[in-house]
């Protein structure tokens, strides 16, 4: 009987890990398709950078912007045993050096512990502003309001209920623009 329980527990762990990997892969593929499918326009550009806070302690950022819209993907970590991926759509307002923006997206986090692998899916709403200077540089401050949608805990030992309220998390980021081709072809 103990061997049967061990086998069931092991199978559950493998299924949960593969589900987490599949979910992470689906988010990455969806983001890449959204970035590539965005319409080409006069103000189309890619931006690359780093962020501190938000979905991870430190993350690499890739954003595709066109007109006043953008889709960004952040890949980062809070430590050495986790991986966070965030995908957000943003709307920018105004044409000044300081541009406010608002957006929404999803954040998926996968973490390993001694007890197993955990997975979380979080909805995010963003509000912030960026300061553009020298036409290519853009530091930004963003406040994300986060709400857990689904949590798979590493073991039954962690049975606290999922917090359903909004959790604010600040983020500082820096992005460097790499202009892409202009409209007309």
N, C-alpha and C. Protein backbone atom coordinates (compact mmCIF):
# COMPACT_ATOMS: atom_id res chain seq x y z
N UNK A 1 0.80 -1.21 0.00
CA UNK A 1 0.00 0.00 0.00
C UNK A 1 0.85 1.28 0.00
N UNK A 2 1.92 1.38 0.83
CA UNK A 2 2.73 2.59 0.78
C UNK A 2 3.36 2.82 -0.59
N UNK A 3 3.77 1.75 -1.28
CA UNK A 3 4.34 1.91 -2.62
C UNK A 3 3.31 2.47 -3.60
N UNK A 4 2.05 2.03 -3.47
CA UNK A 4 0.98 2.55 -4.32
C UNK A 4 0.78 4.04 -4.08
N UNK A 5 0.79 4.45 -2.82
CA UNK A 5 0.62 5.87 -2.49
C UNK A 5 1.78 6.68 -3.05
N UNK A 6 3.00 6.15 -2.93
CA UNK A 6 4.16 6.84 -3.46
C UNK A 6 4.05 6.99 -4.98
N UNK A 7 3.60 5.94 -5.65
CA UNK A 7 3.46 5.99 -7.11
C UNK A 7 2.41 7.02 -7.51
N UNK A 8 1.28 7.05 -6.82
CA UNK A 8 0.23 8.02 -7.12
C UNK A 8 0.74 9.44 -6.89
N UNK A 9 1.43 9.65 -5.78
CA UNK A 9 1.97 10.98 -5.49
C UNK A 9 2.99 11.40 -6.54
N UNK A 10 3.83 10.49 -6.96
CA UNK A 10 4.83 10.78 -7.98
C UNK A 10 4.16 11.12 -9.30
N UNK A 11 3.15 10.35 -9.69
CA UNK A 11 2.44 10.62 -10.94
C UNK A 11 1.75 11.98 -10.89
N UNK A 12 1.14 12.32 -9.75
CA UNK A 12 0.50 13.63 -9.61
C UNK A 12 1.52 14.74 -9.77
N UNK A 13 2.70 14.56 -9.19
CA UNK A 13 3.75 15.57 -9.27
C UNK A 13 4.22 15.75 -10.71
N UNK A 14 4.41 14.66 -11.43
CA UNK A 14 4.84 14.73 -12.83
C UNK A 14 3.78 15.40 -13.68
N UNK A 15 2.52 15.06 -13.48
CA UNK A 15 1.43 15.68 -14.23
C UNK A 15 1.36 17.17 -13.93
N UNK A 16 1.49 17.55 -12.67
CA UNK A 16 1.44 18.97 -12.30
C UNK A 16 2.60 19.73 -12.93
N UNK A 17 3.80 19.14 -12.93
CA UNK A 17 4.95 19.80 -13.53
C UNK A 17 4.75 19.97 -15.02
N UNK A 18 4.27 18.94 -15.70
CA UNK A 18 4.07 19.06 -17.14
C UNK A 18 2.95 20.03 -17.46
N UNK A 19 1.92 20.12 -16.62
CA UNK A 19 0.86 21.11 -16.82
C UNK A 19 1.41 22.52 -16.70
N UNK A 20 2.28 22.73 -15.72
CA UNK A 20 2.90 24.04 -15.54
C UNK A 20 3.77 24.42 -16.73
N UNK A 21 4.53 23.48 -17.22
CA UNK A 21 5.38 23.72 -18.38
C UNK A 21 4.53 24.01 -19.61
N UNK A 22 3.45 23.25 -19.79
CA UNK A 22 2.55 23.49 -20.93
C UNK A 22 1.91 24.87 -20.84
N UNK A 23 1.47 25.26 -19.65
CA UNK A 23 0.85 26.58 -19.48
C UNK A 23 1.86 27.68 -19.78
N UNK A 24 3.08 27.53 -19.28
CA UNK A 24 4.13 28.50 -19.53
C UNK A 24 4.44 28.58 -21.02
N UNK A 25 4.54 27.44 -21.69
CA UNK A 25 4.81 27.41 -23.12
C UNK A 25 3.68 28.06 -23.91
N UNK A 26 2.43 27.83 -23.50
CA UNK A 26 1.29 28.44 -24.19
C UNK A 26 1.32 29.95 -24.07
N UNK A 27 1.67 30.47 -22.90
CA UNK A 27 1.75 31.92 -22.71
C UNK A 27 2.87 32.50 -23.57
N UNK A 28 4.02 31.85 -23.61
CA UNK A 28 5.13 32.33 -24.43
C UNK A 28 4.75 32.35 -25.90
N UNK A 29 4.18 31.26 -26.40
CA UNK A 29 3.79 31.18 -27.81
C UNK A 29 2.73 32.23 -28.13
N UNK A 30 1.74 32.40 -27.26
CA UNK A 30 0.71 33.41 -27.47
C UNK A 30 1.28 34.82 -27.53
N UNK A 31 2.22 35.11 -26.66
CA UNK A 31 2.84 36.43 -26.65
C UNK A 31 3.65 36.67 -27.90
N UNK A 32 4.44 35.71 -28.30
CA UNK A 32 5.24 35.85 -29.51
C UNK A 32 4.34 36.07 -30.71
N UNK A 33 3.25 35.33 -30.81
CA UNK A 33 2.31 35.53 -31.92
C UNK A 33 1.68 36.91 -31.88
N UNK A 34 1.32 37.38 -30.68
CA UNK A 34 0.74 38.72 -30.56
C UNK A 34 1.75 39.79 -30.95
N UNK A 35 3.00 39.61 -30.54
CA UNK A 35 4.04 40.58 -30.91
C UNK A 35 4.26 40.61 -32.42
N UNK A 36 4.25 39.45 -33.05
CA UNK A 36 4.49 39.38 -34.48
C UNK A 36 3.27 39.81 -35.30
N UNK A 37 2.07 39.62 -34.77
CA UNK A 37 0.86 39.92 -35.51
C UNK A 37 0.43 41.38 -35.39
N UNK A 38 1.09 42.14 -34.55
CA UNK A 38 0.72 43.55 -34.38
C UNK A 38 0.89 44.27 -35.71
N UNK A 39 -0.02 45.19 -36.02
CA UNK A 39 0.07 45.89 -37.30
C UNK A 39 1.32 46.76 -37.38
N UNK A 40 1.92 46.82 -38.54
CA UNK A 40 3.09 47.66 -38.77
C UNK A 40 2.59 49.08 -39.00
N UNK A 41 3.16 50.06 -38.33
CA UNK A 41 2.73 51.44 -38.50
C UNK A 41 3.95 52.35 -38.44
N UNK A 42 3.71 53.64 -38.64
CA UNK A 42 4.79 54.61 -38.64
C UNK A 42 5.55 54.58 -37.32
N UNK A 43 4.86 54.41 -36.22
CA UNK A 43 5.52 54.47 -34.92
C UNK A 43 5.81 53.09 -34.33
N UNK A 44 5.85 52.08 -35.16
CA UNK A 44 6.12 50.72 -34.68
C UNK A 44 7.55 50.61 -34.19
N UNK A 45 7.73 49.97 -33.04
CA UNK A 45 9.07 49.80 -32.50
C UNK A 45 9.12 48.64 -31.52
N UNK A 46 10.31 48.09 -31.37
CA UNK A 46 10.57 47.11 -30.32
C UNK A 46 11.36 47.82 -29.25
N UNK A 47 11.08 47.46 -28.00
CA UNK A 47 11.83 48.01 -26.88
C UNK A 47 12.31 46.86 -26.02
N UNK A 48 13.54 46.95 -25.57
CA UNK A 48 14.15 45.91 -24.74
C UNK A 48 14.64 46.56 -23.46
N UNK A 49 14.54 45.84 -22.34
CA UNK A 49 15.00 46.43 -21.10
C UNK A 49 15.00 45.49 -19.93
N UNK A 50 15.05 46.09 -18.74
CA UNK A 50 15.06 45.37 -17.48
C UNK A 50 14.02 45.96 -16.56
N UNK A 51 13.49 45.13 -15.67
CA UNK A 51 12.57 45.63 -14.64
C UNK A 51 12.98 45.08 -13.29
N UNK A 52 12.69 45.86 -12.26
CA UNK A 52 12.91 45.45 -10.87
C UNK A 52 11.57 45.57 -10.17
N UNK A 53 11.13 44.49 -9.53
CA UNK A 53 9.82 44.47 -8.89
C UNK A 53 8.77 43.97 -9.87
N UNK A 54 7.52 44.14 -9.52
CA UNK A 54 6.45 43.66 -10.39
C UNK A 54 6.30 42.16 -10.29
N UNK A 55 6.44 41.46 -11.41
CA UNK A 55 6.25 40.01 -11.44
C UNK A 55 7.47 39.23 -10.97
N UNK A 56 8.60 39.91 -10.79
CA UNK A 56 9.81 39.22 -10.34
C UNK A 56 10.79 40.23 -9.76
N UNK A 57 11.78 39.73 -9.04
CA UNK A 57 12.79 40.63 -8.48
C UNK A 57 13.52 41.36 -9.59
N UNK A 58 13.91 40.62 -10.62
CA UNK A 58 14.54 41.22 -11.80
C UNK A 58 14.07 40.44 -13.03
N UNK A 59 13.82 41.17 -14.11
CA UNK A 59 13.29 40.52 -15.32
C UNK A 59 13.82 41.19 -16.57
N UNK A 60 13.90 40.42 -17.63
CA UNK A 60 14.17 40.95 -18.97
C UNK A 60 12.83 41.31 -19.58
N UNK A 61 12.77 42.44 -20.29
CA UNK A 61 11.52 42.95 -20.86
C UNK A 61 11.68 43.09 -22.37
N UNK A 62 10.67 42.63 -23.11
CA UNK A 62 10.57 42.85 -24.55
C UNK A 62 9.18 43.43 -24.79
N UNK A 63 9.13 44.55 -25.51
CA UNK A 63 7.84 45.18 -25.79
C UNK A 63 7.76 45.54 -27.27
N UNK A 64 6.62 45.28 -27.85
CA UNK A 64 6.33 45.72 -29.23
C UNK A 64 5.31 46.83 -29.11
N UNK A 65 5.66 48.03 -29.62
CA UNK A 65 4.75 49.17 -29.56
C UNK A 65 4.37 49.60 -30.96
N UNK A 66 3.13 49.99 -31.12
CA UNK A 66 2.66 50.58 -32.36
C UNK A 66 1.60 51.60 -31.98
N UNK A 67 1.62 52.73 -32.66
CA UNK A 67 0.73 53.85 -32.34
C UNK A 67 0.80 54.11 -30.83
N UNK A 68 -0.32 54.02 -30.15
CA UNK A 68 -0.36 54.27 -28.71
C UNK A 68 -0.53 52.98 -27.91
N UNK A 69 -0.27 51.84 -28.52
CA UNK A 69 -0.48 50.54 -27.86
C UNK A 69 0.83 49.77 -27.76
N UNK A 70 0.81 48.78 -26.87
CA UNK A 70 1.98 47.93 -26.74
C UNK A 70 1.61 46.59 -26.15
N UNK A 71 2.42 45.59 -26.46
CA UNK A 71 2.32 44.26 -25.84
C UNK A 71 3.71 43.95 -25.31
N UNK A 72 3.79 43.62 -24.03
CA UNK A 72 5.10 43.34 -23.45
C UNK A 72 5.14 41.96 -22.81
N UNK A 73 6.34 41.40 -22.80
CA UNK A 73 6.58 40.13 -22.14
C UNK A 73 7.77 40.33 -21.21
N UNK A 74 7.62 39.87 -19.97
CA UNK A 74 8.70 39.92 -18.99
C UNK A 74 9.01 38.51 -18.54
N UNK A 75 10.28 38.17 -18.51
CA UNK A 75 10.72 36.87 -18.03
C UNK A 75 11.75 37.11 -16.95
N UNK A 76 11.46 36.62 -15.74
CA UNK A 76 12.36 36.88 -14.63
C UNK A 76 12.22 35.88 -13.51
N UNK A 77 12.75 36.26 -12.34
CA UNK A 77 12.77 35.35 -11.21
C UNK A 77 12.82 36.14 -9.91
N UNK A 78 12.26 35.57 -8.85
CA UNK A 78 12.37 36.12 -7.50
C UNK A 78 13.59 35.54 -6.79
N UNK A 79 14.07 34.40 -7.24
CA UNK A 79 15.20 33.74 -6.60
C UNK A 79 15.81 32.74 -7.56
N UNK A 80 16.35 31.68 -7.02
CA UNK A 80 17.02 30.71 -7.87
C UNK A 80 16.16 29.51 -8.23
N UNK A 81 14.99 29.38 -7.60
CA UNK A 81 14.18 28.18 -7.84
C UNK A 81 12.80 28.50 -8.41
N UNK A 82 12.68 29.64 -9.07
CA UNK A 82 11.38 30.00 -9.63
C UNK A 82 11.57 30.70 -10.97
N UNK A 83 10.49 30.77 -11.71
CA UNK A 83 10.47 31.44 -13.00
C UNK A 83 9.15 32.16 -13.13
N UNK A 84 9.19 33.43 -13.50
CA UNK A 84 7.98 34.23 -13.69
C UNK A 84 7.90 34.72 -15.12
N UNK A 85 6.72 34.63 -15.69
CA UNK A 85 6.47 35.15 -17.02
C UNK A 85 5.22 36.01 -16.96
N UNK A 86 5.34 37.23 -17.42
CA UNK A 86 4.22 38.16 -17.42
C UNK A 86 4.00 38.66 -18.84
N UNK A 87 2.75 38.72 -19.24
CA UNK A 87 2.36 39.25 -20.55
C UNK A 87 1.30 40.30 -20.31
N UNK A 88 1.52 41.51 -20.84
CA UNK A 88 0.58 42.61 -20.62
C UNK A 88 0.36 43.39 -21.91
N UNK A 89 -0.86 43.86 -22.09
CA UNK A 89 -1.19 44.80 -23.16
C UNK A 89 -1.32 46.17 -22.52
N UNK A 90 -0.80 47.20 -23.19
CA UNK A 90 -0.82 48.55 -22.62
C UNK A 90 -1.37 49.55 -23.61
N UNK A 91 -1.97 50.59 -23.05
CA UNK A 91 -2.44 51.73 -23.82
C UNK A 91 -1.73 52.96 -23.27
N UNK A 92 -1.01 53.68 -24.14
CA UNK A 92 -0.29 54.89 -23.74
C UNK A 92 -1.15 56.10 -24.07
N UNK A 93 -1.01 57.16 -23.27
CA UNK A 93 -1.82 58.36 -23.44
C UNK A 93 -0.92 59.58 -23.61
N UNK A 94 -1.28 60.45 -24.57
CA UNK A 94 -0.55 61.69 -24.75
C UNK A 94 0.71 61.52 -25.57
N UNK A 95 1.31 62.68 -25.94
CA UNK A 95 2.52 62.67 -26.76
C UNK A 95 3.61 63.50 -26.10
N UNK A 96 3.61 63.58 -24.80
CA UNK A 96 4.62 64.35 -24.08
C UNK A 96 5.78 63.46 -23.67
N UNK A 97 6.78 64.08 -23.08
CA UNK A 97 7.95 63.33 -22.61
C UNK A 97 7.56 62.37 -21.49
N UNK A 98 6.62 62.78 -20.63
CA UNK A 98 6.10 61.89 -19.59
C UNK A 98 4.76 61.37 -20.09
N UNK A 99 4.68 60.05 -20.28
CA UNK A 99 3.48 59.44 -20.85
C UNK A 99 2.86 58.47 -19.86
N UNK A 100 1.64 58.75 -19.42
CA UNK A 100 0.95 57.76 -18.58
C UNK A 100 0.46 56.59 -19.42
N UNK A 101 0.24 55.46 -18.77
CA UNK A 101 -0.27 54.29 -19.47
C UNK A 101 -1.10 53.45 -18.50
N UNK A 102 -1.95 52.62 -19.09
CA UNK A 102 -2.75 51.65 -18.33
C UNK A 102 -2.74 50.35 -19.12
N UNK A 103 -2.92 49.25 -18.42
CA UNK A 103 -2.89 47.98 -19.12
C UNK A 103 -3.43 46.84 -18.29
N UNK A 104 -3.44 45.67 -18.90
CA UNK A 104 -3.90 44.46 -18.22
C UNK A 104 -3.14 43.27 -18.80
N UNK A 105 -3.04 42.22 -17.98
CA UNK A 105 -2.33 41.05 -18.46
C UNK A 105 -2.40 39.89 -17.50
N UNK A 106 -1.57 38.90 -17.76
CA UNK A 106 -1.48 37.70 -16.93
C UNK A 106 -0.04 37.48 -16.50
N UNK A 107 0.09 36.86 -15.35
CA UNK A 107 1.40 36.53 -14.79
C UNK A 107 1.33 35.08 -14.36
N UNK A 108 2.28 34.29 -14.83
CA UNK A 108 2.35 32.90 -14.41
C UNK A 108 3.70 32.70 -13.72
N UNK A 109 3.66 32.03 -12.57
CA UNK A 109 4.88 31.76 -11.81
C UNK A 109 4.96 30.28 -11.50
N UNK A 110 6.14 29.72 -11.69
CA UNK A 110 6.40 28.32 -11.37
C UNK A 110 7.56 28.31 -10.40
N UNK A 111 7.41 27.58 -9.28
CA UNK A 111 8.47 27.53 -8.28
C UNK A 111 8.64 26.12 -7.75
N UNK A 112 9.89 25.75 -7.53
CA UNK A 112 10.21 24.44 -6.95
C UNK A 112 10.57 24.62 -5.49
N UNK A 113 10.08 23.72 -4.66
CA UNK A 113 10.47 23.66 -3.26
C UNK A 113 10.83 22.21 -2.96
N UNK A 114 11.27 21.97 -1.74
CA UNK A 114 11.55 20.59 -1.34
C UNK A 114 10.28 19.75 -1.36
N UNK A 115 9.13 20.41 -1.18
CA UNK A 115 7.85 19.70 -1.16
C UNK A 115 7.30 19.42 -2.55
N UNK A 116 7.87 20.06 -3.58
CA UNK A 116 7.38 19.85 -4.94
C UNK A 116 7.36 21.14 -5.73
N UNK A 117 6.60 21.14 -6.80
CA UNK A 117 6.51 22.30 -7.68
C UNK A 117 5.15 22.96 -7.52
N UNK A 118 5.16 24.28 -7.39
CA UNK A 118 3.94 25.06 -7.30
C UNK A 118 3.77 25.92 -8.53
N UNK A 119 2.53 26.32 -8.78
CA UNK A 119 2.21 27.09 -9.97
C UNK A 119 1.14 28.10 -9.60
N UNK A 120 1.28 29.31 -10.10
CA UNK A 120 0.28 30.33 -9.85
C UNK A 120 -0.04 31.10 -11.11
N UNK A 121 -1.31 31.44 -11.29
CA UNK A 121 -1.76 32.26 -12.41
C UNK A 121 -2.43 33.48 -11.81
N UNK A 122 -1.98 34.67 -12.22
CA UNK A 122 -2.42 35.92 -11.62
C UNK A 122 -2.88 36.88 -12.71
N UNK A 123 -4.01 37.54 -12.50
CA UNK A 123 -4.47 38.61 -13.38
C UNK A 123 -3.84 39.91 -12.88
N UNK A 124 -3.45 40.78 -13.81
CA UNK A 124 -2.78 42.02 -13.42
C UNK A 124 -3.40 43.21 -14.14
N UNK A 125 -3.52 44.31 -13.43
CA UNK A 125 -3.89 45.59 -14.02
C UNK A 125 -2.75 46.55 -13.75
N UNK A 126 -2.35 47.30 -14.76
CA UNK A 126 -1.19 48.19 -14.64
C UNK A 126 -1.60 49.64 -14.79
N UNK A 127 -0.96 50.50 -14.02
CA UNK A 127 -1.08 51.95 -14.17
C UNK A 127 0.29 52.53 -13.88
N UNK A 128 0.74 53.44 -14.74
CA UNK A 128 2.06 54.00 -14.52
C UNK A 128 2.36 55.11 -15.49
N UNK A 129 3.63 55.52 -15.49
CA UNK A 129 4.10 56.57 -16.39
C UNK A 129 5.55 56.29 -16.74
N UNK A 130 5.90 56.67 -17.97
CA UNK A 130 7.29 56.55 -18.40
C UNK A 130 7.79 57.92 -18.82
N UNK A 131 9.08 58.11 -18.71
CA UNK A 131 9.72 59.37 -19.09
C UNK A 131 10.67 59.07 -20.24
N UNK A 132 10.32 59.53 -21.43
CA UNK A 132 11.18 59.31 -22.60
C UNK A 132 12.19 60.44 -22.72
N UNK A 133 13.44 60.08 -23.01
CA UNK A 133 14.45 61.10 -23.27
C UNK A 133 15.45 60.56 -24.27
N UNK A 134 16.12 61.47 -24.96
CA UNK A 134 17.08 61.13 -26.01
C UNK A 134 16.45 60.20 -27.05
N UNK A 135 15.17 60.28 -27.23
CA UNK A 135 14.34 59.58 -28.21
C UNK A 135 14.35 58.05 -28.11
N UNK A 136 15.23 57.45 -27.34
CA UNK A 136 15.28 55.99 -27.28
C UNK A 136 15.18 55.43 -25.88
N UNK A 137 15.40 56.22 -24.86
CA UNK A 137 15.47 55.75 -23.48
C UNK A 137 14.17 56.04 -22.75
N UNK A 138 13.71 55.08 -21.95
CA UNK A 138 12.43 55.27 -21.26
C UNK A 138 12.40 54.54 -19.92
N UNK A 139 12.77 55.22 -18.82
CA UNK A 139 12.53 54.64 -17.50
C UNK A 139 11.05 54.79 -17.15
N UNK A 140 10.53 53.87 -16.36
CA UNK A 140 9.09 53.91 -16.02
C UNK A 140 8.87 53.44 -14.59
N UNK A 141 7.79 53.93 -14.02
CA UNK A 141 7.29 53.46 -12.72
C UNK A 141 5.88 52.94 -12.96
N UNK A 142 5.64 51.71 -12.54
CA UNK A 142 4.34 51.06 -12.73
C UNK A 142 3.86 50.49 -11.41
N UNK A 143 2.57 50.61 -11.16
CA UNK A 143 1.94 49.93 -10.03
C UNK A 143 1.02 48.87 -10.63
N UNK A 144 1.26 47.62 -10.28
CA UNK A 144 0.42 46.53 -10.73
C UNK A 144 -0.53 46.13 -9.61
N UNK A 145 -1.81 46.00 -9.93
CA UNK A 145 -2.78 45.43 -9.01
C UNK A 145 -2.98 43.99 -9.44
N UNK A 146 -2.65 43.05 -8.56
CA UNK A 146 -2.63 41.63 -8.89
C UNK A 146 -3.71 40.88 -8.13
N UNK A 147 -4.33 39.91 -8.79
CA UNK A 147 -5.33 39.05 -8.16
C UNK A 147 -5.10 37.62 -8.61
N UNK A 148 -4.95 36.72 -7.64
CA UNK A 148 -4.72 35.31 -7.96
C UNK A 148 -5.95 34.71 -8.63
N UNK A 149 -5.73 34.00 -9.73
CA UNK A 149 -6.81 33.30 -10.42
C UNK A 149 -6.79 31.81 -10.10
N UNK A 150 -5.59 31.24 -10.06
CA UNK A 150 -5.45 29.81 -9.78
C UNK A 150 -4.10 29.56 -9.13
N UNK A 151 -4.09 28.66 -8.17
CA UNK A 151 -2.85 28.30 -7.48
C UNK A 151 -2.82 26.79 -7.32
N UNK A 152 -1.71 26.20 -7.71
CA UNK A 152 -1.47 24.78 -7.48
C UNK A 152 -0.32 24.72 -6.48
N UNK A 153 -0.62 24.32 -5.27
CA UNK A 153 0.38 24.29 -4.20
C UNK A 153 1.27 23.06 -4.35
N UNK A 154 2.51 23.15 -3.84
CA UNK A 154 3.43 22.01 -3.98
C UNK A 154 3.01 20.79 -3.19
N UNK A 155 2.25 20.97 -2.13
CA UNK A 155 1.78 19.82 -1.35
C UNK A 155 0.53 20.23 -0.59
N UNK A 156 -0.16 19.24 -0.04
CA UNK A 156 -1.37 19.52 0.74
C UNK A 156 -1.04 20.18 2.07
N UNK A 157 0.23 20.18 2.44
CA UNK A 157 0.65 20.78 3.71
C UNK A 157 0.39 22.29 3.71
N UNK A 158 0.49 22.91 2.53
CA UNK A 158 0.25 24.34 2.40
C UNK A 158 -1.21 24.55 2.02
N UNK A 159 -2.06 24.64 3.01
CA UNK A 159 -3.50 24.66 2.72
C UNK A 159 -4.15 26.00 2.99
N UNK A 160 -3.35 27.07 3.15
CA UNK A 160 -3.97 28.37 3.36
C UNK A 160 -4.81 28.74 2.14
N UNK A 161 -5.94 29.40 2.35
CA UNK A 161 -6.75 29.79 1.19
C UNK A 161 -6.03 30.86 0.36
N UNK A 162 -6.35 30.89 -0.92
CA UNK A 162 -5.77 31.87 -1.82
C UNK A 162 -6.35 33.24 -1.50
N UNK A 163 -5.51 34.24 -1.42
CA UNK A 163 -5.97 35.60 -1.15
C UNK A 163 -6.66 36.13 -2.40
N UNK A 164 -7.91 36.52 -2.28
CA UNK A 164 -8.70 36.95 -3.44
C UNK A 164 -8.69 38.46 -3.64
N UNK A 165 -8.13 39.21 -2.70
CA UNK A 165 -8.10 40.66 -2.85
C UNK A 165 -7.03 41.11 -3.83
N UNK A 166 -7.02 42.40 -4.11
CA UNK A 166 -6.01 42.98 -4.99
C UNK A 166 -4.73 43.24 -4.21
N UNK A 167 -3.62 42.84 -4.78
CA UNK A 167 -2.32 43.04 -4.14
C UNK A 167 -1.50 43.99 -5.01
N UNK A 168 -1.20 45.20 -4.50
CA UNK A 168 -0.40 46.13 -5.30
C UNK A 168 1.09 45.80 -5.21
N UNK A 169 1.77 45.82 -6.35
CA UNK A 169 3.22 45.59 -6.39
C UNK A 169 3.83 46.63 -7.34
N UNK A 170 4.78 47.43 -6.84
CA UNK A 170 5.42 48.43 -7.70
C UNK A 170 6.51 47.80 -8.57
N UNK A 171 6.82 48.50 -9.66
CA UNK A 171 7.88 48.05 -10.57
C UNK A 171 8.60 49.26 -11.14
N UNK A 172 9.92 49.19 -11.17
CA UNK A 172 10.74 50.17 -11.87
C UNK A 172 11.31 49.48 -13.10
N UNK A 173 11.30 50.16 -14.23
CA UNK A 173 11.83 49.53 -15.44
C UNK A 173 12.57 50.55 -16.28
N UNK A 174 13.40 50.03 -17.15
CA UNK A 174 14.13 50.83 -18.13
C UNK A 174 14.02 50.11 -19.47
N UNK A 175 13.70 50.87 -20.52
CA UNK A 175 13.59 50.29 -21.86
C UNK A 175 14.37 51.13 -22.86
N UNK A 176 14.97 50.44 -23.81
CA UNK A 176 15.70 51.07 -24.89
C UNK A 176 15.00 50.71 -26.19
N UNK A 177 14.65 51.72 -26.98
CA UNK A 177 13.93 51.48 -28.24
C UNK A 177 14.87 51.07 -29.35
N UNK A 178 14.39 50.15 -30.16
CA UNK A 178 15.06 49.74 -31.39
C UNK A 178 14.04 49.92 -32.49
N UNK A 179 14.14 51.00 -33.25
CA UNK A 179 13.15 51.32 -34.27
C UNK A 179 13.04 50.21 -35.30
N UNK A 180 11.80 49.89 -35.71
CA UNK A 180 11.57 48.91 -36.77
C UNK A 180 11.17 49.65 -38.04
N UNK A 181 10.83 48.90 -39.07
CA UNK A 181 10.49 49.51 -40.36
C UNK A 181 9.24 50.36 -40.24
N UNK A 182 9.11 51.34 -41.13
CA UNK A 182 7.96 52.22 -41.12
C UNK A 182 6.85 51.68 -42.00
N UNK A 183 5.70 52.34 -41.94
CA UNK A 183 4.53 51.89 -42.71
C UNK A 183 4.78 52.04 -44.20
N UNK A 184 3.96 51.32 -44.94
CA UNK A 184 4.03 51.42 -46.38
C UNK A 184 4.64 50.20 -47.03
N UNK A 185 4.94 49.16 -46.25
CA UNK A 185 5.48 47.99 -46.90
C UNK A 185 6.29 47.19 -46.06
